[in-house]
Protein backbone atom coordinates (compact mmCIF):
# COMPACT_ATOMS: atom_id res chain seq x y z
CA MET A 1 -0.12 0.29 -0.18
CA ASP A 2 2.82 2.38 -1.15
CA PHE A 3 1.81 5.77 -2.33
CA GLU A 4 3.71 8.44 -4.61
CA LEU A 5 4.20 12.06 -4.34
CA VAL A 6 6.00 14.92 -5.49
CA CYS A 7 8.30 17.05 -3.46
CA PRO A 8 7.41 20.74 -3.54
CA CYS A 9 10.74 21.78 -3.03
CA CYS A 10 12.89 20.07 -5.90
CA GLY A 11 10.03 18.25 -7.92
CA ALA A 12 11.17 14.74 -7.38
CA LYS A 13 8.81 11.92 -7.11
CA LEU A 14 8.90 9.81 -3.78
CA LYS A 15 7.54 6.63 -3.02
CA VAL A 16 6.32 6.22 0.59
CA ASP A 17 5.37 3.60 2.86
CA PRO A 18 2.93 4.46 5.30
CA THR A 19 3.44 1.42 7.44
CA LEU A 20 7.32 1.81 7.85
CA LYS A 21 6.98 5.49 7.78
CA ALA A 22 9.88 5.79 5.22
CA ILE A 23 10.61 6.76 1.72
CA ILE A 24 11.32 3.51 -0.39
CA ALA A 25 12.20 5.14 -3.78
CA HIS A 26 13.37 8.36 -4.69
CA GLU A 27 13.34 9.62 -8.50
CA ALA A 28 15.26 12.84 -9.24
CA PRO A 29 13.47 15.47 -11.67
CA LYS A 30 14.87 15.79 -14.93
CA VAL A 31 17.09 18.68 -15.44
CA VAL A 32 15.91 21.30 -18.36
CA ARG A 33 18.79 22.49 -20.02
CA LYS A 34 18.73 26.38 -20.38
CA PHE A 35 21.19 26.26 -23.36
CA GLU A 36 21.64 24.03 -26.29
CA SER A 37 25.39 24.13 -26.67
CA VAL A 38 28.51 25.31 -25.03
CA ASP A 39 28.50 28.04 -27.32
CA ASP A 40 25.14 29.28 -26.46
CA ALA A 41 26.11 28.92 -22.74
CA ILE A 42 28.88 31.30 -23.05
CA GLU A 43 26.99 33.75 -24.89
CA GLY A 44 24.46 33.68 -22.20
CA LEU A 45 27.28 34.42 -19.82
CA LYS A 46 28.61 37.50 -21.59
CA THR A 47 24.94 39.08 -21.95
CA HIS A 48 24.87 38.38 -17.89
CA ASP A 49 28.33 40.11 -17.78
CA VAL A 50 26.93 43.27 -19.50
CA GLU A 51 23.56 43.50 -17.63
CA ARG A 52 25.96 43.21 -14.31
CA GLU A 53 28.19 45.81 -15.43
CA LYS A 54 24.98 48.11 -16.32
CA LYS A 55 23.63 47.60 -12.96
CA PHE A 56 26.89 48.30 -11.12
CA ALA A 57 27.26 51.68 -12.86
CA ALA A 58 23.66 52.62 -12.34
CA SER A 59 24.04 51.75 -8.50
CA VAL A 60 27.63 53.85 -8.45
CA GLU A 61 25.61 56.63 -10.00
CA ALA A 62 23.02 56.56 -7.31
CA GLU A 63 25.52 56.47 -4.58
CA LYS A 64 27.14 59.39 -5.93
CA SER A 65 23.74 61.31 -6.01
CA LYS A 66 22.70 59.88 -2.59
CA LYS A 67 24.45 62.85 -0.63
CA ASP A 68 22.71 65.33 -2.52
CA VAL A 69 19.09 63.90 -2.09
CA LEU A 70 19.55 63.65 1.53
CA ASN A 71 20.80 67.13 2.00
CA ARG A 72 17.90 68.33 0.06
CA LYS A 73 15.44 66.46 2.16
CA PHE A 74 17.08 67.41 5.29
CA GLU A 75 16.78 71.04 4.30
CA GLU A 76 13.25 70.57 3.27
CA LEU A 77 12.14 68.89 6.56
CA PHE A 78 14.43 71.56 8.54
CA GLU A 79 12.50 74.36 7.14
CA LYS A 80 9.18 72.42 7.86
CA ALA A 81 10.42 72.10 11.52
CA LYS A 82 11.26 75.85 11.62
CA THR A 83 7.60 77.08 10.60
CA ASP A 84 5.69 74.50 12.69
CA THR A 85 4.82 76.22 15.99
CA SER A 86 2.62 73.19 17.08
CA LYS A 87 3.73 71.55 20.27
CA PRO A 88 5.04 68.14 20.19
CA ILE A 89 2.22 65.20 21.39
CA ARG A 90 3.44 63.85 24.65
CA ASP A 91 2.99 60.48 25.79
CA ILE A 92 0.73 61.44 28.44
CA ASP A 93 -1.36 63.46 26.27
CA LEU A 94 -2.16 60.27 24.72
CA ASP A 95 -4.08 58.80 27.49
């Protein structure tokens, strides 16, 4: 009275014996190839390298302008705090 099930993580077929509470057989899932040949895989890696370089360059530019963005946000909030004359809410006021 064995039964088979598919592993949700890896997709392998498992044959389980409920009386022994053990896996009797394991069949690994078939691996689908992403590339037909080694040359296709090399081309895929080259395009991946180009994409990685573009992302890195974009992150470097973002880091360069990060200081200016933070300074601008600080200045705006500082001006807002200067003009705001309301008293801050204290914890005791919330009761």
